[in-house]
Amino acid sequence: MASEPVPLSGLARRLVDESILDADSAIKSTEAARKEGTPFVTYLVRNGLAEARAIAVSASEEFGVPLMDLTSYDLEAIPKDLVKDNLIRSHSALPLVRRGMRLFVAVSDPTNLQALDEIKFHTGVNTEAVLVEEDKLQAIIDQFLNRQEDSGLGDLEGDDLEDLDMAAFEEETDEDDQEVGSATDDTPVVRFVNKMLLDAIKTGASDIHFEPYEKTYRVRFRTDGILHVVSNPPSNLGTRLAARLKVMSEMDISERRVPQDGRIKMKLSKTRAIDFRVNTLPTLWGEKIVLRILDPSSAKMGIEQLGFEDYQQQLFMDAIHQPQGMILVTGPTGSGKTVTLYTGLNILNTFERNIATAEDPVEINLEGINQVNVNHRVGLDFATALRSFLRQDPDVVMVGEIRDLETAEIAIKASQTGHMVLSTLHTNSAAETLTRLRNMGVPAFNLATSVNLIIAQRLARRLCPNCKGSIDVPGETLLAEGFTDEQVDAGIEVFEPNAAGCDKCNDGYKGRVGIYEVVKITKEMAQIIMEDGNSMELAKQASTLGFKNLRLAGLEKVIQGVTSLAEVNRVTTGH
């Protein structure tokens, strides 16, 4: 007996009557929304089935609920700590204002009575619906909840800076935090360090440098790949700043002669914590300390955000879904190799796969992946970890970096015995990666049969879409930069940053975009490797097969208006 069709609700019927939605889509959407446990309107907008504005107008007329434009509402007026964040998120319902025993709640779906009832139950206040557009509601909810989480980042002044929950990475108990805090009673130093860490997070910096010199001391942030000075504390504070940072990251305070590694976890709220990777370096005038800010969300941002061209993305996806073989990612420090690898691992991270990684150190924590910290002091290096992995029944293995012949040999053997191996190397291009492995002592026939894909990458600053401006560049100059005659004849609009910037960017740039050279090892490439060809021969063959090198990939980003010609010149060479 066939199941009866789902009857259309008042809103769905109204949308069908006004031709905003067809009947078939309305029925399917109603069923799908119910299965997912999401409001009907949220499902429609998220999947692009109807416009948020049209739905809101129809719903307002159908149910007689007042319609409001959320963009004109001040976030500061939203009552704080009245409704729990999880209720706001799960029901897509935002409290707007409380008047006596009435609470006005913004919703995009007036039929979502469960949300109003649950909020009323938890607050003890009568709830009334105010209708808003779904897309604006989600944006404001995200903004509000982020502001709630970032309240520790907002206006921390004076004594507030002393009470931040700072802990070494491994230890997260309250008692341990108290011990860490009591290890130094140098309150101004504590406040200064905490402020630097908070400022770095707020400005979106990737690294913090604490640098001592003979007569000065400076603190620099690396933002969008460029270092800039943010503070010049008195030079006599250098020793105490180093001691504070070493205590926070559980290093040996008394040892100042050798480099040390450590980690810090900074708890901003109950739901949000930021990790820092810390390294000390003994210099002529004291210890230079560099902190790398680790963002777990970067691995989950999706492959579309990395900056691959369509064909490059397809090559990458095809390669990671192979049952065996090796994928190598290459580039200098800070070029985004780890994020690329982890994006691939996140795609592969399903319950039927066993994934193991060896890193020095583990930068991004991912649930469902067995991550191992390399520890040379106890003899746990990449080669040892890799040998152990092969006894752990792995499907996918990730080696943080191939530095020596032993690691390379084990990784290649693993790729030849039914495992997918991902790793990184420090070389300049895809072709040079193969010659580097040959120089390590890896036989040519092993390289030709095991390596599937090589990715060389750089990170270039992304032009701010709000304030970038077009410039006129002569055709001769464009040709000299590497553009083809066809591209120049077709017309290229080159953009440059606004040096003054705007309120949404830094000096005309906002964020970074990856520039990639993705080379698949084809039969032709394998033949050159077997014949012990050099990097120039390999690069020429890759170009013949249609694989763009880093320079050409960068120029493609210029044509797309994503970055400037100056940025491409900064991160790539002309050959």
Protein backbone atom coordinates (compact mmCIF):
# COMPACT_ATOMS: atom_id res chain seq x y z
CA MET A 1 0.00 0.00 0.00
CA ALA A 2 1.49 3.30 -1.10
CA SER A 3 2.13 5.87 1.60
CA GLU A 4 -0.14 8.90 1.53
CA PRO A 5 1.38 12.19 0.41
CA VAL A 6 2.35 14.61 3.17
CA PRO A 7 -0.34 17.29 3.59
CA LEU A 8 0.98 20.79 2.99
CA SER A 9 1.16 23.11 5.99
CA GLY A 10 -0.29 26.59 5.89
CA LEU A 11 3.02 28.18 4.92
CA ALA A 12 3.92 25.57 2.31
CA ARG A 13 0.46 25.86 0.76
CA ARG A 14 0.76 29.65 0.68
CA LEU A 15 4.14 29.44 -1.06
CA VAL A 16 2.66 27.08 -3.65
CA ASP A 17 -0.37 29.35 -4.20
CA GLU A 18 1.93 32.32 -4.80
CA SER A 19 4.13 30.27 -7.19
CA ILE A 20 7.18 30.77 -4.99
CA LEU A 21 7.45 26.97 -4.75
CA ASP A 22 5.94 24.17 -6.82
CA ALA A 23 3.81 21.53 -5.09
CA ASP A 24 6.22 18.65 -5.66
CA SER A 25 9.19 20.60 -4.20
CA ALA A 26 7.02 21.73 -1.27
CA ILE A 27 6.10 18.14 -0.35
CA LYS A 28 9.67 16.87 -0.72
CA SER A 29 11.07 19.82 1.28
CA THR A 30 8.54 19.29 4.07
CA GLU A 31 9.54 15.62 4.37
CA ALA A 32 13.27 16.37 4.17
CA ALA A 33 13.09 19.18 6.75
CA ARG A 34 11.21 16.89 9.14
CA LYS A 35 13.78 14.10 8.71
CA GLU A 36 16.68 16.50 9.29
CA GLY A 37 14.98 18.13 12.25
CA THR A 38 15.38 21.60 10.72
CA PRO A 39 12.72 24.29 10.31
CA PHE A 40 10.95 24.25 6.95
CA VAL A 41 12.03 27.78 5.99
CA THR A 42 15.66 27.10 6.97
CA TYR A 43 15.68 24.06 4.71
CA LEU A 44 14.27 26.03 1.74
CA VAL A 45 16.76 28.89 1.98
CA ARG A 46 19.78 26.69 2.73
CA ASN A 47 19.13 24.61 -0.40
CA GLY A 48 18.33 27.62 -2.60
CA LEU A 49 14.75 26.51 -3.30
CA ALA A 50 13.20 29.91 -2.54
CA GLU A 51 14.29 33.45 -1.67
CA ALA A 52 14.29 34.39 2.00
CA ARG A 53 12.58 37.74 1.35
CA ALA A 54 9.68 36.23 -0.63
CA ILE A 55 9.11 33.57 2.07
CA ALA A 56 9.11 36.17 4.85
CA VAL A 57 6.55 38.43 3.08
CA SER A 58 4.23 35.48 2.37
CA ALA A 59 4.52 34.11 5.91
CA SER A 60 3.79 37.53 7.40
CA GLU A 61 0.63 37.90 5.34
CA GLU A 62 -0.48 34.31 5.97
CA PHE A 63 -0.05 34.31 9.76
CA GLY A 64 -0.44 38.00 10.57
CA VAL A 65 2.99 38.11 12.25
CA PRO A 66 4.84 41.46 12.05
CA LEU A 67 7.79 41.52 9.62
CA MET A 68 11.03 43.18 10.70
CA ASP A 69 14.32 44.05 8.96
CA LEU A 70 17.08 42.62 11.16
CA THR A 71 19.84 44.68 9.54
CA SER A 72 18.47 47.78 11.25
CA TYR A 73 18.53 46.17 14.71
CA ASP A 74 21.28 46.92 17.21
CA LEU A 75 22.96 43.77 18.56
CA GLU A 76 23.64 45.52 21.86
CA ALA A 77 19.88 45.55 22.56
CA ILE A 78 19.66 41.75 22.53
CA PRO A 79 19.19 40.42 26.08
CA LYS A 80 22.30 38.48 27.15
CA ASP A 81 22.31 35.26 29.18
CA LEU A 82 18.51 35.01 29.02
CA VAL A 83 18.31 32.24 26.41
CA LYS A 84 21.00 29.55 26.19
CA ASP A 85 23.19 29.58 23.08
CA ASN A 86 22.30 25.99 22.18
CA LEU A 87 18.58 26.89 22.07
CA ILE A 88 19.25 29.86 19.81
CA ARG A 89 21.34 27.73 17.47
CA SER A 90 19.14 24.61 17.37
CA HIS A 91 15.84 26.48 16.84
CA SER A 92 17.19 29.37 14.71
CA ALA A 93 15.37 31.72 17.07
CA LEU A 94 16.91 34.92 18.43
CA PRO A 95 15.55 36.86 21.45
CA LEU A 96 15.23 40.53 20.48
CA VAL A 97 13.88 42.46 23.45
CA ARG A 98 12.19 41.79 26.78
CA ARG A 99 9.33 43.95 27.98
CA GLY A 100 8.08 42.94 31.40
CA MET A 101 6.88 39.35 31.11
CA ARG A 102 6.96 39.32 27.31
CA LEU A 103 9.93 38.27 25.20
CA PHE A 104 9.93 39.05 21.48
CA VAL A 105 11.74 36.34 19.51
CA ALA A 106 12.93 36.65 15.90
CA VAL A 107 12.02 33.59 13.80
CA SER A 108 11.96 32.93 10.07
CA ASP A 109 9.35 30.18 10.31
CA PRO A 110 6.16 31.16 12.17
CA THR A 111 5.05 27.51 12.25
CA ASN A 112 8.03 26.63 14.45
CA LEU A 113 5.98 26.75 17.66
CA GLN A 114 8.33 24.30 19.39
CA ALA A 115 11.02 26.97 19.51
CA LEU A 116 8.74 29.52 21.16
CA ASP A 117 7.42 26.95 23.66
CA GLU A 118 10.90 25.71 24.62
CA ILE A 119 12.25 29.25 25.09
CA LYS A 120 9.18 30.09 27.20
CA PHE A 121 9.77 26.96 29.32
CA HIS A 122 13.44 27.78 29.96
CA THR A 123 12.99 31.50 30.61
CA GLY A 124 9.61 31.53 32.34
CA VAL A 125 8.63 34.47 30.13
CA ASN A 126 5.83 34.55 27.54
CA THR A 127 7.20 34.54 24.00
CA GLU A 128 5.90 36.35 20.92
CA ALA A 129 7.16 35.78 17.38
CA VAL A 130 8.61 38.49 15.16
CA LEU A 131 9.11 37.42 11.56
CA VAL A 132 12.48 38.02 9.86
CA GLU A 133 14.27 36.84 6.73
CA GLU A 134 16.07 33.51 7.12
CA ASP A 135 19.44 34.54 5.64
CA LYS A 136 19.62 37.70 7.75
CA LEU A 137 18.58 35.73 10.85
CA GLN A 138 21.37 33.18 10.42
CA ALA A 139 23.96 35.94 9.86
CA ILE A 140 22.85 37.84 12.99
CA ILE A 141 22.76 34.63 15.09
CA ASP A 142 26.33 33.81 14.02
CA GLN A 143 27.41 37.38 14.77
CA PHE A 144 25.69 37.40 18.16
CA LEU A 145 27.03 34.02 19.28
CA ASN A 146 30.55 34.85 18.10
CA ARG A 147 30.37 38.10 20.01
CA GLN A 148 29.27 36.14 23.06
CA GLU A 149 32.24 33.82 22.68
CA ASP A 150 34.57 36.70 21.96
CA SER A 151 33.40 38.65 24.97
CA GLY A 152 36.71 37.68 26.49
CA LEU A 153 38.36 39.35 23.52
CA GLY A 154 36.33 42.49 23.48
CA ASP A 155 37.19 44.98 26.17
CA LEU A 156 39.65 43.23 28.38
CA GLU A 157 41.43 45.93 30.26
CA GLY A 158 43.25 46.15 33.51
CA ASP A 159 42.51 43.33 35.92
CA ASP A 160 40.49 41.29 33.42
CA LEU A 161 43.66 40.38 31.60
CA GLU A 162 45.02 38.62 34.68
CA ASP A 163 42.09 36.22 34.97
CA LEU A 164 42.28 34.57 31.56
CA ASP A 165 42.28 30.80 31.69
CA MET A 166 45.70 29.89 30.33
CA ALA A 167 46.99 26.35 30.43
CA ALA A 168 49.66 24.14 29.00
CA PHE A 169 48.25 22.01 26.22
CA GLU A 170 48.25 18.70 28.00
CA GLU A 171 46.73 19.88 31.24
CA GLU A 172 43.33 21.46 31.47
CA THR A 173 42.26 21.09 35.11
CA ASP A 174 41.54 24.09 37.30
CA GLU A 175 44.24 23.08 39.76
CA ASP A 176 46.85 23.00 37.02
CA ASP A 177 45.78 26.39 35.76
CA GLN A 178 46.16 27.83 39.23
CA GLU A 179 49.65 26.38 39.47
CA VAL A 180 50.57 27.92 36.13
CA GLY A 181 49.21 31.27 37.22
CA SER A 182 51.04 31.19 40.52
CA ALA A 183 54.35 30.29 38.96
CA THR A 184 54.89 34.00 38.27
CA ASP A 185 53.55 36.91 40.24
CA ASP A 186 54.79 39.46 37.73
CA THR A 187 51.35 40.97 37.09
CA PRO A 188 52.29 43.60 34.43
CA VAL A 189 54.11 40.92 32.42
CA VAL A 190 51.15 38.53 32.71
CA ARG A 191 48.78 41.25 31.50
CA PHE A 192 51.06 42.25 28.63
CA VAL A 193 51.50 38.67 27.36
CA ASN A 194 47.77 37.94 27.58
CA LYS A 195 46.97 41.17 25.74
CA MET A 196 49.41 40.28 22.94
CA LEU A 197 47.83 36.84 22.51
CA LEU A 198 44.32 38.30 22.47
CA ASP A 199 45.25 41.05 20.02
CA ALA A 200 46.81 38.46 17.70
CA ILE A 201 43.61 36.39 17.70
CA LYS A 202 41.42 39.47 17.12
CA THR A 203 43.50 40.71 14.18
CA GLY A 204 43.66 37.27 12.57
CA ALA A 205 47.44 36.88 12.90
CA SER A 206 49.05 33.51 12.22
CA ASP A 207 52.28 33.98 14.24
CA ILE A 208 53.55 36.10 17.15
CA HIS A 209 57.27 36.93 17.44
CA PHE A 210 58.83 38.05 20.75
CA GLU A 211 62.30 39.31 19.80
CA PRO A 212 65.08 40.57 22.11
CA TYR A 213 67.88 42.83 20.84
CA GLU A 214 70.76 44.64 22.55
CA LYS A 215 68.93 47.89 23.32
CA THR A 216 65.38 47.20 22.17
CA TYR A 217 62.65 44.57 22.33
CA ARG A 218 59.89 44.14 19.79
CA VAL A 219 56.74 42.10 19.29
CA ARG A 220 55.63 41.37 15.73
CA PHE A 221 52.50 39.75 14.28
CA ARG A 222 52.39 37.94 10.95
CA THR A 223 49.09 38.90 9.35
CA ASP A 224 48.23 37.61 5.87
CA GLY A 225 51.83 36.44 5.51
CA ILE A 226 53.46 39.82 6.28
CA LEU A 227 55.22 40.67 9.55
CA HIS A 228 54.57 44.04 11.24
CA VAL A 229 55.62 45.52 14.57
CA VAL A 230 52.84 45.89 17.15
CA SER A 231 54.71 46.72 20.34
CA ASN A 232 58.13 47.79 21.68
CA PRO A 233 58.20 46.96 25.40
CA PRO A 234 61.25 47.94 27.52
CA SER A 235 64.21 45.70 26.70
CA ASN A 236 64.76 44.87 30.39
CA LEU A 237 61.43 42.97 30.35
CA GLY A 238 62.77 40.45 27.84
CA THR A 239 63.86 37.84 30.38
CA ARG A 240 60.57 38.03 32.28
CA LEU A 241 58.49 37.84 29.10
CA ALA A 242 60.41 34.74 28.05
CA ALA A 243 59.99 33.20 31.51
CA ARG A 244 56.23 33.84 31.47
CA LEU A 245 55.77 32.28 28.03
CA LYS A 246 57.92 29.28 28.99
CA VAL A 247 55.90 28.71 32.17
CA MET A 248 52.64 28.86 30.19
CA SER A 249 53.93 26.31 27.68
CA GLU A 250 55.48 24.00 30.31
CA MET A 251 59.09 24.45 29.27
CA ASP A 252 62.18 24.33 31.45
CA ILE A 253 62.63 27.91 32.69
CA SER A 254 66.21 27.33 33.80
CA GLU A 255 67.33 26.09 30.36
CA ARG A 256 68.24 29.01 28.11
CA ARG A 257 70.99 27.42 26.01
CA VAL A 258 69.00 25.13 23.70
CA PRO A 259 65.76 25.54 21.72
CA GLN A 260 62.58 24.20 23.31
CA ASP A 261 59.09 23.36 22.06
CA GLY A 262 55.81 23.64 23.92
CA ARG A 263 52.07 24.32 23.56
CA ILE A 264 49.57 26.63 25.21
CA LYS A 265 45.80 26.32 25.35
CA MET A 266 43.95 29.56 25.87
CA LYS A 267 40.34 29.18 26.95
CA LEU A 268 38.24 32.09 25.73
CA SER A 269 34.89 30.67 26.79
CA LYS A 270 33.28 27.39 27.72
CA THR A 271 32.99 26.45 24.07
CA ARG A 272 36.02 28.05 22.48
CA ALA A 273 39.74 27.52 23.02
CA ILE A 274 42.74 28.53 20.95
CA ASP A 275 45.97 26.51 20.80
CA PHE A 276 49.42 27.98 20.34
CA ARG A 277 52.55 26.12 19.24
CA VAL A 278 55.54 27.68 21.00
CA ASN A 279 59.24 27.54 20.09
CA THR A 280 62.19 29.22 21.80
CA LEU A 281 65.50 30.06 20.14
CA PRO A 282 68.58 31.21 22.12
CA THR A 283 69.91 34.35 20.39
CA LEU A 284 72.75 36.74 21.19
CA TRP A 285 70.60 38.95 23.44
CA GLY A 286 68.18 36.45 24.93
CA GLU A 287 65.54 33.97 23.84
CA LYS A 288 63.43 34.71 20.79
CA ILE A 289 60.01 33.09 21.15
CA VAL A 290 57.64 32.43 18.26
CA LEU A 291 54.03 31.34 18.78
CA ARG A 292 52.04 29.79 15.93
CA ILE A 293 48.27 30.23 16.35
CA LEU A 294 46.58 26.95 15.50
CA ASP A 295 43.07 27.15 14.12
CA PRO A 296 41.25 23.79 14.12
CA SER A 297 38.50 25.17 11.88
CA SER A 298 40.93 25.72 8.99
CA ALA A 299 40.98 21.99 8.24
CA LYS A 300 37.22 21.89 7.99
CA MET A 301 36.64 24.86 5.74
CA GLY A 302 36.12 22.72 2.65
CA ILE A 303 38.22 22.13 -0.43
CA GLU A 304 36.37 24.87 -2.36
CA GLN A 305 37.90 27.57 -0.13
CA LEU A 306 41.51 26.50 -0.69
CA GLY A 307 41.88 28.19 -4.09
CA PHE A 308 42.26 25.20 -6.44
CA GLU A 309 41.24 25.63 -10.06
CA ASP A 310 38.45 23.23 -11.07
CA TYR A 311 40.77 20.81 -12.87
CA GLN A 312 43.29 20.93 -10.00
CA GLN A 313 40.59 20.14 -7.47
CA GLN A 314 39.45 17.20 -9.56
CA LEU A 315 43.02 15.86 -9.77
CA PHE A 316 43.35 16.16 -5.98
CA MET A 317 40.01 14.45 -5.30
CA ASP A 318 40.80 11.63 -7.71
CA ALA A 319 44.22 11.09 -6.10
CA ILE A 320 43.07 10.94 -2.46
CA HIS A 321 40.39 8.40 -3.31
CA GLN A 322 42.93 6.01 -4.84
CA PRO A 323 43.38 2.84 -2.75
CA GLN A 324 47.15 3.25 -2.67
CA GLY A 325 49.96 5.55 -3.73
CA MET A 326 51.60 8.71 -2.49
CA ILE A 327 50.56 12.38 -2.54
CA LEU A 328 53.31 14.91 -1.85
CA VAL A 329 52.66 18.56 -0.91
CA THR A 330 55.60 20.91 -1.17
CA GLY A 331 56.33 24.55 -0.41
CA PRO A 332 58.16 26.79 2.07
CA THR A 333 57.22 27.18 5.75
CA GLY A 334 53.85 28.89 6.18
CA SER A 335 52.59 28.11 2.67
CA GLY A 336 49.56 26.18 3.90
CA LYS A 337 50.79 22.62 3.29
CA THR A 338 49.29 21.32 6.53
CA VAL A 339 45.87 22.81 5.79
CA THR A 340 45.87 21.24 2.32
CA LEU A 341 46.77 17.82 3.74
CA TYR A 342 44.22 18.04 6.53
CA THR A 343 41.50 19.13 4.14
CA GLY A 344 42.17 15.90 2.24
CA LEU A 345 42.25 13.88 5.47
CA ASN A 346 38.97 15.45 6.58
CA ILE A 347 37.37 14.25 3.32
CA LEU A 348 38.75 10.73 3.90
CA ASN A 349 37.85 10.73 7.61
CA THR A 350 34.97 8.25 7.60
CA PHE A 351 34.19 5.44 10.01
CA GLU A 352 35.37 2.71 7.62
CA ARG A 353 38.92 4.12 7.29
CA ASN A 354 41.80 3.89 9.75
CA ILE A 355 43.90 7.06 9.48
CA ALA A 356 47.20 7.64 11.32
CA THR A 357 49.45 10.72 11.24
CA ALA A 358 52.96 11.45 12.51
CA GLU A 359 53.73 15.15 12.92
CA ASP A 360 56.33 17.39 14.51
CA PRO A 361 54.26 18.69 16.26
CA VAL A 362 50.54 17.93 15.72
CA GLU A 363 49.08 21.25 14.57
CA ILE A 364 45.41 20.54 14.02
CA ASN A 365 43.35 18.17 16.17
CA LEU A 366 40.78 16.14 14.25
CA GLU A 367 38.34 13.69 15.79
CA GLY A 368 38.60 10.22 14.26
CA ILE A 369 42.28 10.47 13.25
CA ASN A 370 45.08 8.83 15.26
CA GLN A 371 47.67 11.59 15.63
CA VAL A 372 51.19 10.99 16.93
CA ASN A 373 53.60 13.66 18.14
CA VAL A 374 57.16 12.96 17.02
CA ASN A 375 59.53 13.06 20.00
CA HIS A 376 63.21 12.81 19.08
CA ARG A 377 64.35 12.87 22.72
CA VAL A 378 62.82 9.46 23.35
CA GLY A 379 63.67 8.07 19.93
CA LEU A 380 60.21 8.49 18.36
CA ASP A 381 61.07 9.92 14.95
CA PHE A 382 59.11 9.81 11.69
CA ALA A 383 60.63 6.49 10.61
CA THR A 384 59.84 4.80 13.94
CA ALA A 385 56.27 6.12 13.97
CA LEU A 386 55.77 5.03 10.37
CA ARG A 387 56.98 1.49 11.12
CA SER A 388 54.54 1.30 14.01
CA PHE A 389 51.68 2.58 11.83
CA LEU A 390 52.15 -0.32 9.42
CA ARG A 391 51.42 -2.73 12.29
CA GLN A 392 48.24 -0.81 13.13
CA ASP A 393 46.25 -1.90 10.07
CA PRO A 394 46.10 1.59 8.48
CA ASP A 395 44.26 2.65 5.33
CA VAL A 396 45.66 6.19 5.15
CA VAL A 397 48.98 7.36 6.58
CA MET A 398 50.15 10.97 6.85
CA VAL A 399 53.81 11.76 7.52
CA GLY A 400 54.41 15.35 8.58
CA GLU A 401 57.63 15.71 6.61
CA ILE A 402 60.04 13.47 4.70
CA ARG A 403 63.47 14.59 5.88
CA ASP A 404 65.71 11.59 5.34
CA LEU A 405 66.15 8.44 3.27
CA GLU A 406 64.86 6.10 5.98
CA THR A 407 61.52 7.94 6.26
CA ALA A 408 61.24 8.19 2.48
CA GLU A 409 61.88 4.47 1.99
CA ILE A 410 59.30 3.38 4.55
CA ALA A 411 56.73 5.83 3.16
CA ILE A 412 57.27 4.52 -0.38
CA LYS A 413 57.06 0.89 0.78
CA ALA A 414 53.78 1.72 2.52
CA SER A 415 52.41 3.27 -0.68
CA GLN A 416 53.40 0.15 -2.62
CA THR A 417 51.70 -2.23 -0.21
CA GLY A 418 48.14 -1.00 -0.38
CA HIS A 419 48.22 2.22 1.67
CA MET A 420 47.49 5.82 0.75
CA VAL A 421 50.41 7.96 2.00
CA LEU A 422 50.32 11.76 2.29
CA SER A 423 53.39 13.80 3.14
CA THR A 424 55.22 17.12 2.72
CA LEU A 425 58.64 18.20 1.52
CA HIS A 426 60.43 21.52 1.47
CA THR A 427 61.10 22.17 -2.23
CA ASN A 428 60.22 24.97 -4.63
CA SER A 429 58.26 23.14 -7.33
CA ALA A 430 56.69 19.79 -8.22
CA ALA A 431 59.54 18.78 -10.54
CA GLU A 432 62.18 19.63 -7.94
CA THR A 433 60.38 17.39 -5.44
CA LEU A 434 61.21 14.31 -7.50
CA THR A 435 64.88 15.28 -7.91
CA ARG A 436 65.10 16.02 -4.16
CA LEU A 437 63.91 12.47 -3.39
CA ARG A 438 66.41 11.12 -5.91
CA ASN A 439 69.18 13.08 -4.17
CA MET A 440 68.10 11.54 -0.85
CA GLY A 441 68.84 8.14 -2.38
CA VAL A 442 65.36 6.90 -3.37
CA PRO A 443 65.64 4.70 -6.50
CA ALA A 444 64.02 6.12 -9.64
CA PHE A 445 61.84 3.03 -10.23
CA ASN A 446 60.34 3.41 -6.74
CA LEU A 447 59.42 7.03 -7.39
CA ALA A 448 57.90 6.28 -10.77
CA THR A 449 55.64 3.56 -9.39
CA SER A 450 54.60 5.05 -6.05
CA VAL A 451 54.04 8.82 -6.42
CA ASN A 452 50.54 9.67 -7.74
CA LEU A 453 50.32 13.43 -7.34
CA ILE A 454 52.57 16.34 -6.40
CA ILE A 455 51.23 19.71 -5.23
CA ALA A 456 53.50 22.75 -4.97
CA GLN A 457 51.84 25.73 -3.31
CA ARG A 458 52.21 29.30 -2.11
CA LEU A 459 49.91 31.65 -0.24
CA ALA A 460 49.23 35.08 -1.71
CA ARG A 461 47.28 37.87 -0.08
CA ARG A 462 43.71 38.20 -1.33
CA LEU A 463 42.58 41.63 -2.57
CA CYS A 464 39.86 43.26 -0.52
CA PRO A 465 36.70 43.12 -2.69
CA ASN A 466 35.38 46.37 -1.20
CA CYS A 467 38.26 48.72 -1.97
CA LYS A 468 40.40 47.15 -4.75
CA GLY A 469 40.92 49.31 -7.81
CA SER A 470 41.62 48.62 -11.48
CA ILE A 471 44.91 49.77 -13.08
CA ASP A 472 45.96 50.11 -16.69
CA VAL A 473 48.99 47.94 -17.51
CA PRO A 474 50.61 48.14 -20.98
CA GLY A 475 50.43 45.01 -23.12
CA GLU A 476 54.23 44.74 -23.34
CA THR A 477 54.47 44.63 -19.56
CA LEU A 478 51.79 41.94 -19.34
CA LEU A 479 53.63 39.82 -21.90
CA ALA A 480 56.89 40.30 -19.99
CA GLU A 481 55.17 39.14 -16.78
CA GLY A 482 54.19 35.86 -18.42
CA PHE A 483 50.68 36.39 -19.84
CA THR A 484 50.04 34.85 -23.26
CA ASP A 485 49.27 36.80 -26.44
CA GLU A 486 45.74 35.36 -26.42
CA GLN A 487 45.12 36.56 -22.86
CA VAL A 488 46.44 40.06 -23.61
CA ASP A 489 44.38 40.31 -26.83
CA ALA A 490 41.26 39.21 -24.98
CA GLY A 491 41.80 42.01 -22.48
CA ILE A 492 43.01 41.60 -18.92
CA GLU A 493 41.71 43.77 -16.10
CA VAL A 494 44.44 43.99 -13.46
CA PHE A 495 43.51 45.09 -9.95
CA GLU A 496 45.69 46.63 -7.26
CA PRO A 497 45.13 47.13 -3.54
CA ASN A 498 43.99 50.41 -2.08
CA ALA A 499 47.07 51.40 -0.06
CA ALA A 500 44.94 53.23 2.50
CA GLY A 501 42.72 50.17 2.91
CA CYS A 502 39.23 50.30 4.35
CA ASP A 503 37.54 49.29 7.60
CA LYS A 504 37.25 45.69 6.37
CA CYS A 505 40.89 45.01 5.37
CA ASN A 506 44.61 45.54 6.03
CA ASP A 507 46.33 47.81 3.47
CA GLY A 508 43.97 46.67 0.74
CA TYR A 509 44.25 42.94 1.41
CA LYS A 510 41.98 40.62 3.38
CA GLY A 511 42.84 36.96 3.91
CA ARG A 512 44.96 34.76 1.67
CA VAL A 513 44.42 32.48 -1.30
CA GLY A 514 46.40 29.42 -2.34
CA ILE A 515 48.33 29.31 -5.62
CA TYR A 516 48.85 25.72 -6.70
CA GLU A 517 50.87 23.67 -9.14
CA VAL A 518 49.19 20.26 -9.30
CA VAL A 519 51.06 17.62 -11.31
CA LYS A 520 49.77 14.09 -11.85
CA ILE A 521 52.49 11.52 -12.47
CA THR A 522 51.44 10.19 -15.87
CA LYS A 523 53.10 7.44 -17.93
CA GLU A 524 55.13 10.12 -19.77
CA MET A 525 56.34 11.64 -16.48
CA ALA A 526 57.13 8.19 -15.05
CA GLN A 527 59.22 7.42 -18.14
CA ILE A 528 61.35 10.53 -17.59
CA ILE A 529 61.79 9.60 -13.90
CA MET A 530 62.86 6.08 -14.87
CA GLU A 531 65.42 7.58 -17.25
CA ASP A 532 66.74 9.72 -14.38
CA GLY A 533 65.63 12.97 -16.00
CA ASN A 534 66.35 16.27 -14.25
CA SER A 535 63.83 18.76 -12.89
CA MET A 536 63.86 20.91 -16.05
CA GLU A 537 62.91 17.94 -18.21
CA LEU A 538 60.14 17.01 -15.80
CA ALA A 539 58.86 20.60 -15.68
CA LYS A 540 58.87 20.80 -19.49
CA GLN A 541 56.92 17.52 -19.76
CA ALA A 542 54.41 18.70 -17.14
CA SER A 543 53.88 21.90 -19.14
CA THR A 544 53.39 19.88 -22.34
CA LEU A 545 50.73 17.78 -20.59
CA GLY A 546 48.86 20.97 -19.61
CA PHE A 547 49.80 21.22 -15.92
CA LYS A 548 50.21 24.90 -15.01
CA ASN A 549 53.27 25.85 -12.98
CA LEU A 550 53.08 28.16 -9.96
CA ARG A 551 53.71 31.28 -12.03
CA LEU A 552 50.92 30.56 -14.50
CA ALA A 553 48.56 29.57 -11.67
CA GLY A 554 49.32 32.90 -9.97
CA LEU A 555 48.68 34.87 -13.17
CA GLU A 556 45.33 33.07 -13.47
CA LYS A 557 44.42 34.46 -10.02
CA VAL A 558 45.35 37.96 -11.32
CA ILE A 559 43.01 37.53 -14.30
CA GLN A 560 40.24 36.45 -11.91
CA GLY A 561 40.80 39.63 -9.85
CA VAL A 562 41.55 37.60 -6.70
CA THR A 563 45.04 38.97 -6.10
CA SER A 564 47.43 41.60 -7.46
CA LEU A 565 50.34 41.24 -9.86
CA ALA A 566 52.67 42.53 -7.13
CA GLU A 567 51.60 39.67 -4.83
CA VAL A 568 52.18 37.05 -7.51
CA ASN A 569 55.64 38.51 -8.11
CA ARG A 570 56.29 38.35 -4.36
CA VAL A 571 55.50 34.65 -3.96
CA THR A 572 56.51 33.23 -7.37
CA THR A 573 59.35 33.67 -9.84
CA GLY A 574 59.19 34.25 -13.54
CA HIS A 575 60.43 30.77 -14.46
